[in-house]
C-alpha atoms as a PDB file:
ATOM      1  CA  MET A   1     -96.276  -7.482 -27.380  1.00  0.00           C
ATOM      2  CA  ALA A   2     -96.448  -5.787 -23.988  1.00  0.00           C
ATOM      3  CA  LEU A   3     -94.553  -8.604 -22.264  1.00  0.00           C
ATOM      4  CA  THR A   4     -91.873  -8.593 -24.973  1.00  0.00           C
ATOM      5  CA  ARG A   5     -91.462  -4.818 -24.715  1.00  0.00           C
ATOM      6  CA  ILE A   6     -91.277  -4.894 -20.904  1.00  0.00           C
ATOM      7  CA  GLY A   7     -88.726  -7.706 -21.069  1.00  0.00           C
ATOM      8  CA  LEU A   8     -86.533  -5.734 -23.453  1.00  0.00           C
ATOM      9  CA  LEU A   9     -86.768  -2.505 -21.491  1.00  0.00           C
ATOM     10  CA  THR A  10     -85.897  -4.237 -18.225  1.00  0.00           C
ATOM     11  CA  GLY A  11     -83.072  -6.312 -19.697  1.00  0.00           C
ATOM     12  CA  LYS A  12     -84.669  -9.723 -19.178  1.00  0.00           C
ATOM     13  CA  ASP A  13     -83.474 -12.591 -21.357  1.00  0.00           C
ATOM     14  CA  HIS A  14     -85.792 -13.875 -24.056  1.00  0.00           C
ATOM     15  CA  GLU A  15     -85.690 -16.884 -26.328  1.00  0.00           C
ATOM     16  CA  TYR A  16     -85.833 -16.933 -30.110  1.00  0.00           C
ATOM     17  CA  SER A  17     -89.398 -17.344 -31.406  1.00  0.00           C
ATOM     18  CA  GLU A  18     -90.765 -18.761 -34.647  1.00  0.00           C
ATOM     19  CA  TYR A  19     -92.904 -16.764 -37.069  1.00  0.00           C
ATOM     20  CA  ARG A  20     -96.494 -17.790 -37.779  1.00  0.00           C
ATOM     21  CA  GLU A  21     -98.612 -17.626 -40.922  1.00  0.00           C
ATOM     22  CA  PRO A  22     -98.415 -14.237 -42.738  1.00  0.00           C
ATOM     23  CA  PHE A  23    -101.571 -12.076 -42.886  1.00  0.00           C
ATOM     24  CA  VAL A  24    -103.181 -14.192 -40.148  1.00  0.00           C
ATOM     25  CA  SER A  25    -100.638 -13.528 -37.386  1.00  0.00           C
ATOM     26  CA  ASP A  26     -99.096 -10.208 -38.405  1.00  0.00           C
ATOM     27  CA  PHE A  27     -99.174  -8.598 -34.948  1.00  0.00           C
ATOM     28  CA  TYR A  28     -97.685 -11.744 -33.441  1.00  0.00           C
ATOM     29  CA  ASN A  29     -94.989 -11.748 -36.145  1.00  0.00           C
ATOM     30  CA  ILE A  30     -94.060  -8.135 -35.343  1.00  0.00           C
ATOM     31  CA  THR A  31     -93.578  -9.215 -31.731  1.00  0.00           C
ATOM     32  CA  VAL A  32     -91.416 -12.150 -32.884  1.00  0.00           C
ATOM     33  CA  MET A  33     -89.349  -9.750 -35.015  1.00  0.00           C
ATOM     34  CA  ILE A  34     -88.696  -7.574 -31.954  1.00  0.00           C
ATOM     35  CA  ASN A  35     -88.047 -10.590 -29.720  1.00  0.00           C
ATOM     36  CA  ASN A  36     -85.531 -11.992 -32.224  1.00  0.00           C
ATOM     37  CA  GLY A  37     -83.472  -8.797 -32.357  1.00  0.00           C
ATOM     38  CA  MET A  38     -84.711  -7.328 -35.648  1.00  0.00           C
ATOM     39  CA  PHE A  39     -85.222  -3.875 -34.129  1.00  0.00           C
ATOM     40  CA  HIS A  40     -83.149  -0.892 -33.010  1.00  0.00           C
ATOM     41  CA  LEU A  41     -82.878  -0.116 -29.314  1.00  0.00           C
ATOM     42  CA  PHE A  42     -81.864   3.538 -28.997  1.00  0.00           C
ATOM     43  CA  GLU A  43     -80.519   4.760 -25.667  1.00  0.00           C
ATOM     44  CA  SER A  44     -80.128   8.495 -25.175  1.00  0.00           C
ATOM     45  CA  SER A  45     -80.611  11.190 -22.558  1.00  0.00           C
ATOM     46  CA  ARG A  46     -81.814  13.663 -25.193  1.00  0.00           C
ATOM     47  CA  ILE A  47     -85.110  13.711 -27.052  1.00  0.00           C
ATOM     48  CA  LEU A  48     -84.908  11.890 -30.392  1.00  0.00           C
ATOM     49  CA  SER A  49     -87.392  12.702 -33.127  1.00  0.00           C
ATOM     50  CA  TRP A  50     -89.413   9.646 -34.135  1.00  0.00           C
ATOM     51  CA  ASN A  51     -89.292  11.010 -37.702  1.00  0.00           C
ATOM     52  CA  ASP A  52     -85.530  10.304 -37.733  1.00  0.00           C
ATOM     53  CA  LEU A  53     -85.757   6.769 -36.308  1.00  0.00           C
ATOM     54  CA  PRO A  54     -86.525   3.536 -38.167  1.00  0.00           C
ATOM     55  CA  ALA A  55     -90.040   2.148 -37.741  1.00  0.00           C
ATOM     56  CA  ASN A  56     -88.611  -0.910 -35.976  1.00  0.00           C
ATOM     57  CA  SER A  57     -87.296   1.065 -32.977  1.00  0.00           C
ATOM     58  CA  LEU A  58     -87.595   1.309 -29.212  1.00  0.00           C
ATOM     59  CA  LYS A  59     -86.119   4.265 -27.326  1.00  0.00           C
ATOM     60  CA  VAL A  60     -85.030   4.219 -23.700  1.00  0.00           C
ATOM     61  CA  THR A  61     -83.643   7.023 -21.572  1.00  0.00           C
ATOM     62  CA  GLY A  62     -80.015   6.532 -20.604  1.00  0.00           C
ATOM     63  CA  ASN A  63     -76.539   8.023 -20.754  1.00  0.00           C
ATOM     64  CA  SER A  64     -74.802   5.762 -23.280  1.00  0.00           C
ATOM     65  CA  GLU A  65     -76.049   7.384 -26.571  1.00  0.00           C
ATOM     66  CA  THR A  66     -76.163   4.093 -28.499  1.00  0.00           C
ATOM     67  CA  ASP A  67     -78.092   2.290 -31.212  1.00  0.00           C
ATOM     68  CA  CYS A  68     -78.167  -1.462 -30.614  1.00  0.00           C
ATOM     69  CA  PHE A  69     -79.304  -3.699 -33.477  1.00  0.00           C
ATOM     70  CA  MET A  70     -78.976  -7.478 -33.843  1.00  0.00           C
ATOM     71  CA  GLY A  71     -76.752  -7.698 -30.756  1.00  0.00           C
ATOM     72  CA  THR A  72     -74.301  -4.975 -31.870  1.00  0.00           C
ATOM     73  CA  CYS A  73     -74.237  -1.477 -30.365  1.00  0.00           C
ATOM     74  CA  SER A  74     -72.788   1.599 -32.034  1.00  0.00           C
ATOM     75  CA  PRO A  75     -72.600   5.249 -30.986  1.00  0.00           C
ATOM     76  CA  LEU A  76     -75.450   7.507 -32.038  1.00  0.00           C
ATOM     77  CA  GLY A  77     -74.651  10.021 -34.737  1.00  0.00           C
ATOM     78  CA  LYS A  78     -75.125  13.707 -33.992  1.00  0.00           C
ATOM     79  CA  GLU A  79     -77.820  13.909 -36.726  1.00  0.00           C
ATOM     80  CA  LEU A  80     -80.340  12.071 -34.514  1.00  0.00           C
END
């Protein structure tokens, strides 16, 4: 999980991974979900409340004010 997170936060490329058996490899499968793009990457210079973000989120500090999900980025709404 740590290597996947560091790779995403530093912009390194990663390859698609396969899921493993449910209930036996749940933590691994969460990492695969993140690695395969099934998470939101929020970029913002302001503080965002974790209560307003989906559970499958990472937040990085930056100037672009975007929410990237499944390879598509959109501007953040003012409600976040």
